[in-house]
Amino acid sequence: MVYGSDTSSAPEIAPAGRASYLELGPFDVLEAGAPSADTLWVRGGFPRSFLAESDDLSLQWRRDFIRTYLERDIPQFGPRIPAETLRRFWTMLAHNQAQILNAASLARGLAVDGKTLAGYLDLLVDLFVVRRLPAWHRNVGKRLVKSPKVYVRDTGIAHALLGIRDKETLLGHPVVGQTWESFIIETLITTAPDDTEAHYYRTSNGTEIDLLLTLPNRELWAIEVKRSSAPKIERGFHSACEDLKPHKRFVVYAGIERFSLEKSTDAIGIVELSDMLQKLA
C-alpha cells in the first residue's frame, strides 16, 4: 500500500522519498490469539479462510483463491505462463516446505530449463506468496550452504495445494514438520521489527540453525523450531551457536510455557516470542 501527499484533485505520483510502503499481510498469531494458533496454522491467515464456519468452507475458499489467482490475477501482471504449469510449481514448493532449494530437480519435474524456473520463482516471490529465505553468508571460517530455502508463505494455501483438509489430516501427513517450521519462521519474520534481516544457517557437514534474525540494533537471535511438546536441543544447534555466538537462543515448540533448556537457551511458545519481537519495533 502506498501513502503519498496530494496537493490537487488530480492524481499524482509521489516523488521519490515521499512515498511510504506498508505490506499488509494475512492475520498473524498475535492478531489471532494463542487459542487460535493451530487454526491459523492449518487454515492460514486470509480472513475468509481463517474465519470460515467450517474446515470445508475454509478449504473451498482457498481453492477458489488459488484458481482465481492463477487464471485471472497473475496474467494481469503480464507473464504468459500456463496456469496449470504455475500451479504444479506452486504445489511442488508446498511439498518441499522449508527445504533447501534444489532448482535442478524442480526444473526437471516441470520439464523446463533453469532460467525459466528462476523466472517462475521470482514471480511468486514478488507476488508475496512464496518466501525465499537466504543462507547465512558471512565468513565464519566454515564451508556454508549457499542455496536459499523456500516455502509458501501462507500455510493455509500450502495445505490447500496439498489437499490437506483439517488438522487431523495434517498431523498424519509427511509434510507436518516442514509446514509447522514454515508457519513459525514466517510468523517471526512478520512480527520482527522493520529492517530485521532473516537467514538460515547450515554448514556442509549439516550443522544448522533454522532461523537467524539480525535485529536493527545488530543483535543476533538464533531460533530452532520443534513441533514436539518436549523439545530437546540438537548437537548441531549447539555447534552452530558456537560458530556464531548469538546474543539470544530460543527453541520454539508446540507449548506455551517458557522454560530453560540450558543456561543460554529457552524453550518458548510462538505467541510469546512474537510478542517479544513486536515490542522491539
Protein backbone atom coordinates (compact mmCIF):
# COMPACT_ATOMS: atom_id res chain seq x y z
CA MET A 1 0.00 0.00 0.00
CA VAL A 2 1.37 3.40 -0.95
CA TYR A 3 0.94 6.58 1.04
CA GLY A 4 1.71 9.89 -0.65
CA SER A 5 0.62 13.52 -0.41
CA ASP A 6 -1.98 15.04 -2.74
CA THR A 7 -1.91 18.76 -3.41
CA SER A 8 -4.64 18.84 -6.06
CA SER A 9 -7.72 16.96 -7.15
CA ALA A 10 -5.80 15.27 -9.95
CA PRO A 11 -3.92 12.04 -9.08
CA GLU A 12 -0.18 12.40 -8.75
CA ILE A 13 2.73 10.04 -8.42
CA ALA A 14 4.54 10.83 -5.20
CA PRO A 15 8.14 11.99 -5.83
CA ALA A 16 11.00 9.81 -4.67
CA GLY A 17 11.32 9.97 -0.91
CA ARG A 18 7.68 10.97 -0.39
CA ALA A 19 6.07 7.54 -0.67
CA SER A 20 5.81 5.01 2.13
CA TYR A 21 5.13 1.31 1.59
CA LEU A 22 3.31 -0.92 4.04
CA GLU A 23 2.98 -4.65 3.47
CA LEU A 24 -0.43 -5.77 4.70
CA GLY A 25 -0.17 -9.49 5.30
CA PRO A 26 -2.74 -12.01 6.48
CA PHE A 27 -3.58 -12.43 10.17
CA ASP A 28 -0.60 -13.28 12.37
CA VAL A 29 -0.59 -15.19 15.63
CA LEU A 30 -0.75 -12.03 17.78
CA GLU A 31 -3.91 -10.95 15.99
CA ALA A 32 -5.45 -14.43 16.08
CA GLY A 33 -4.52 -15.13 19.71
CA ALA A 34 -2.88 -18.13 21.34
CA PRO A 35 -6.03 -20.33 21.49
CA SER A 36 -6.39 -19.99 17.70
CA ALA A 37 -2.74 -20.61 16.79
CA ASP A 38 -3.35 -24.12 15.46
CA THR A 39 -6.34 -22.94 13.43
CA LEU A 40 -4.13 -20.21 11.95
CA TRP A 41 -1.50 -22.82 11.11
CA VAL A 42 -3.98 -25.13 9.40
CA ARG A 43 -6.18 -22.56 7.63
CA GLY A 44 -3.71 -19.74 7.11
CA GLY A 45 -4.25 -16.08 7.78
CA PHE A 46 -6.52 -14.90 4.98
CA PRO A 47 -9.63 -13.61 6.81
CA ARG A 48 -12.27 -15.57 4.88
CA SER A 49 -10.29 -18.77 5.29
CA PHE A 50 -9.39 -18.29 8.95
CA LEU A 51 -12.90 -17.13 9.98
CA ALA A 52 -14.86 -19.67 7.91
CA GLU A 53 -17.62 -21.57 9.74
CA SER A 54 -16.12 -24.96 8.91
CA ASP A 55 -12.93 -26.57 7.64
CA ASP A 56 -14.69 -27.47 4.40
CA LEU A 57 -15.73 -23.87 3.72
CA SER A 58 -12.24 -22.66 4.58
CA LEU A 59 -10.64 -25.13 2.18
CA GLN A 60 -13.10 -24.26 -0.59
CA TRP A 61 -12.30 -20.55 -0.24
CA ARG A 62 -8.57 -21.27 -0.51
CA ARG A 63 -9.05 -23.49 -3.55
CA ASP A 64 -11.09 -20.75 -5.22
CA PHE A 65 -8.42 -18.20 -4.31
CA ILE A 66 -5.67 -20.32 -5.87
CA ARG A 67 -7.63 -20.85 -9.08
CA THR A 68 -8.58 -17.18 -9.41
CA TYR A 69 -5.05 -16.05 -8.64
CA LEU A 70 -3.55 -18.30 -11.28
CA GLU A 71 -6.15 -17.83 -14.01
CA ARG A 72 -7.08 -14.17 -13.60
CA ASP A 73 -4.79 -12.16 -11.31
CA ILE A 74 -1.29 -13.27 -12.35
CA PRO A 75 -1.93 -12.81 -16.11
CA GLN A 76 -2.83 -9.17 -15.36
CA PHE A 77 0.80 -8.62 -14.33
CA GLY A 78 1.97 -9.58 -17.81
CA PRO A 79 3.52 -13.07 -17.58
CA ARG A 80 2.05 -15.54 -20.04
CA ILE A 81 2.60 -18.70 -18.01
CA PRO A 82 0.13 -21.57 -18.32
CA ALA A 83 -1.93 -21.64 -15.11
CA GLU A 84 -1.52 -25.41 -14.76
CA THR A 85 2.27 -25.17 -15.02
CA LEU A 86 2.45 -22.48 -12.36
CA ARG A 87 0.07 -24.46 -10.15
CA ARG A 88 2.30 -27.53 -10.43
CA PHE A 89 5.33 -25.45 -9.47
CA TRP A 90 3.50 -23.88 -6.52
CA THR A 91 2.43 -27.35 -5.37
CA MET A 92 5.99 -28.67 -5.69
CA LEU A 93 7.17 -25.86 -3.42
CA ALA A 94 4.43 -26.78 -0.93
CA HIS A 95 5.71 -30.36 -0.91
CA ASN A 96 9.21 -29.04 -0.24
CA GLN A 97 8.31 -26.56 2.51
CA ALA A 98 11.31 -25.12 4.37
CA GLN A 99 13.75 -27.19 2.30
CA ILE A 100 16.91 -26.01 0.59
CA LEU A 101 16.08 -25.07 -2.98
CA ASN A 102 17.05 -27.76 -5.47
CA ALA A 103 16.43 -25.81 -8.66
CA ALA A 104 17.72 -28.53 -10.98
CA SER A 105 15.34 -31.14 -9.56
CA LEU A 106 12.36 -28.79 -9.73
CA ALA A 107 13.22 -27.80 -13.31
CA ARG A 108 13.35 -31.45 -14.35
CA GLY A 109 9.99 -32.07 -12.71
CA LEU A 110 8.43 -29.24 -14.72
CA ALA A 111 10.37 -30.05 -17.90
CA VAL A 112 11.76 -26.51 -18.12
CA ASP A 113 15.27 -25.07 -18.03
CA GLY A 114 16.87 -23.43 -15.02
CA LYS A 115 16.37 -19.89 -16.29
CA THR A 116 12.65 -20.46 -16.78
CA LEU A 117 12.31 -21.97 -13.32
CA ALA A 118 14.14 -19.00 -11.79
CA GLY A 119 11.63 -16.71 -13.51
CA TYR A 120 8.71 -18.67 -12.02
CA LEU A 121 10.23 -18.45 -8.56
CA ASP A 122 10.96 -14.73 -8.88
CA LEU A 123 7.34 -14.14 -9.86
CA LEU A 124 5.88 -15.99 -6.86
CA VAL A 125 8.33 -14.24 -4.52
CA ASP A 126 7.49 -10.82 -5.97
CA LEU A 127 3.77 -11.54 -5.53
CA PHE A 128 4.36 -12.31 -1.82
CA VAL A 129 3.04 -15.87 -1.96
CA VAL A 130 6.44 -17.58 -1.62
CA ARG A 131 9.36 -16.61 0.61
CA ARG A 132 12.97 -17.21 -0.32
CA LEU A 133 14.97 -17.41 2.94
CA PRO A 134 18.64 -16.71 2.18
CA ALA A 135 21.50 -18.68 3.66
CA TRP A 136 23.82 -17.01 6.14
CA HIS A 137 26.77 -15.87 4.07
CA ARG A 138 29.13 -14.04 6.40
CA ASN A 139 32.54 -15.57 6.86
CA VAL A 140 32.73 -17.78 9.95
CA GLY A 141 35.58 -19.96 8.75
CA LYS A 142 33.21 -22.74 7.69
CA ARG A 143 32.02 -24.15 4.39
CA LEU A 144 28.46 -22.83 4.22
CA VAL A 145 25.49 -23.96 2.14
CA LYS A 146 24.63 -21.06 -0.17
CA SER A 147 21.27 -22.04 -1.70
CA PRO A 148 18.17 -20.43 -0.16
CA LYS A 149 15.30 -22.22 1.50
CA VAL A 150 11.85 -21.67 0.02
CA TYR A 151 8.33 -22.07 1.34
CA VAL A 152 4.76 -20.99 0.67
CA ARG A 153 4.25 -18.03 2.99
CA ASP A 154 0.65 -18.78 3.97
CA THR A 155 0.43 -22.33 5.34
CA GLY A 156 -3.30 -22.47 4.62
CA ILE A 157 -2.56 -22.00 0.92
CA ALA A 158 0.17 -24.65 1.12
CA HIS A 159 -2.27 -27.09 2.72
CA ALA A 160 -4.88 -26.39 0.05
CA LEU A 161 -2.33 -27.08 -2.69
CA LEU A 162 -1.56 -30.40 -0.97
CA GLY A 163 -5.22 -31.31 -0.43
CA ILE A 164 -4.95 -31.20 3.39
CA ARG A 165 -8.45 -30.56 4.74
CA ASP A 166 -8.09 -30.23 8.51
CA LYS A 167 -5.75 -30.54 11.48
CA GLU A 168 -6.28 -34.30 11.85
CA THR A 169 -5.27 -34.84 8.23
CA LEU A 170 -2.29 -32.52 8.60
CA LEU A 171 -0.95 -34.29 11.69
CA GLY A 172 -0.82 -37.55 9.72
CA HIS A 173 0.81 -36.02 6.64
CA PRO A 174 4.56 -36.33 5.90
CA VAL A 175 4.86 -32.55 5.49
CA VAL A 176 3.60 -31.74 9.00
CA GLY A 177 7.02 -30.88 10.47
CA GLN A 178 8.02 -28.79 7.48
CA THR A 179 4.80 -26.81 7.35
CA TRP A 180 4.99 -26.17 11.12
CA GLU A 181 8.52 -24.83 10.64
CA SER A 182 7.34 -22.62 7.78
CA PHE A 183 4.49 -21.28 9.93
CA ILE A 184 6.84 -20.41 12.79
CA ILE A 185 9.51 -18.82 10.58
CA GLU A 186 7.02 -16.72 8.61
CA THR A 187 5.32 -15.58 11.82
CA LEU A 188 8.59 -14.48 13.41
CA ILE A 189 9.80 -12.65 10.30
CA THR A 190 6.43 -10.89 10.03
CA THR A 191 6.35 -9.76 13.66
CA ALA A 192 10.02 -8.73 13.84
CA PRO A 193 10.90 -5.03 13.65
CA ASP A 194 11.40 -3.36 10.28
CA ASP A 195 14.93 -3.74 8.89
CA THR A 196 15.41 -7.10 10.63
CA GLU A 197 17.48 -9.45 8.45
CA ALA A 198 16.43 -13.10 8.29
CA HIS A 199 18.63 -16.05 7.28
CA TYR A 200 19.08 -19.73 7.98
CA TYR A 201 22.48 -21.22 8.79
CA ARG A 202 23.84 -24.53 7.53
CA THR A 203 27.36 -25.82 7.06
CA SER A 204 28.45 -28.51 4.63
CA ASN A 205 28.55 -31.07 7.46
CA GLY A 206 24.92 -30.44 8.45
CA THR A 207 25.30 -28.03 11.39
CA GLU A 208 22.18 -25.88 11.20
CA ILE A 209 20.05 -23.13 12.74
CA ASP A 210 16.51 -22.86 11.37
CA LEU A 211 16.29 -19.07 11.66
CA LEU A 212 18.77 -16.30 12.38
CA LEU A 213 17.36 -12.84 12.99
CA THR A 214 19.71 -9.87 12.87
CA LEU A 215 17.77 -7.12 14.60
CA PRO A 216 18.12 -3.41 13.76
CA ASN A 217 20.37 -2.98 16.83
CA ARG A 218 22.59 -5.73 15.30
CA GLU A 219 21.74 -8.29 17.97
CA LEU A 220 21.72 -11.81 16.57
CA TRP A 221 18.97 -14.21 17.69
CA ALA A 222 19.27 -17.93 16.93
CA ILE A 223 15.98 -19.81 16.70
CA GLU A 224 15.36 -23.54 16.36
CA VAL A 225 11.89 -24.89 15.59
CA LYS A 226 10.49 -28.09 17.12
CA ARG A 227 6.98 -29.44 16.76
CA SER A 228 7.45 -31.56 19.91
CA SER A 229 5.84 -30.60 23.22
CA ALA A 230 9.05 -31.72 24.97
CA PRO A 231 11.82 -30.14 22.87
CA LYS A 232 15.47 -31.05 23.09
CA ILE A 233 18.48 -29.17 21.81
CA GLU A 234 20.23 -30.92 18.95
CA ARG A 235 24.01 -31.16 18.81
CA GLY A 236 24.03 -29.27 15.51
CA PHE A 237 22.31 -26.27 17.10
CA HIS A 238 24.98 -26.22 19.84
CA SER A 239 27.77 -26.31 17.25
CA ALA A 240 26.21 -23.58 15.13
CA CYS A 241 25.79 -21.31 18.14
CA GLU A 242 29.45 -21.86 18.98
CA ASP A 243 30.27 -20.65 15.47
CA LEU A 244 28.08 -17.54 15.57
CA LYS A 245 27.88 -16.54 19.26
CA PRO A 246 24.28 -15.20 19.08
CA HIS A 247 23.01 -12.80 21.73
CA LYS A 248 19.89 -14.89 22.37
CA ARG A 249 18.95 -18.52 21.71
CA PHE A 250 15.45 -19.94 21.56
CA VAL A 251 13.74 -23.21 20.72
CA VAL A 252 10.17 -22.55 19.58
CA TYR A 253 7.98 -25.54 20.41
CA ALA A 254 4.31 -26.51 20.39
CA GLY A 255 3.61 -25.50 24.01
CA ILE A 256 3.02 -22.11 25.64
CA GLU A 257 5.18 -22.19 28.79
CA ARG A 258 8.65 -20.69 28.74
CA PHE A 259 11.40 -22.65 30.44
CA SER A 260 15.16 -23.05 30.33
CA LEU A 261 16.66 -25.92 28.35
CA GLU A 262 20.14 -24.92 29.40
CA LYS A 263 21.87 -21.83 30.73
CA SER A 264 21.73 -19.89 27.46
CA THR A 265 18.70 -21.39 25.63
CA ASP A 266 14.99 -21.10 26.42
CA ALA A 267 12.08 -23.14 25.08
CA ILE A 268 9.32 -20.70 24.21
CA GLY A 269 5.91 -20.60 22.56
CA ILE A 270 5.34 -18.81 19.27
CA VAL A 271 2.98 -16.21 20.76
CA GLU A 272 5.42 -15.09 23.46
CA LEU A 273 8.40 -14.87 21.13
CA SER A 274 6.35 -12.98 18.52
CA ASP A 275 5.24 -10.55 21.21
CA MET A 276 8.86 -10.02 22.28
CA LEU A 277 9.85 -9.20 18.71
CA GLN A 278 6.93 -6.88 18.09
CA LYS A 279 7.69 -4.89 21.24
CA LEU A 280 11.18 -4.17 19.87
CA ALA A 281 9.71 -2.23 16.95
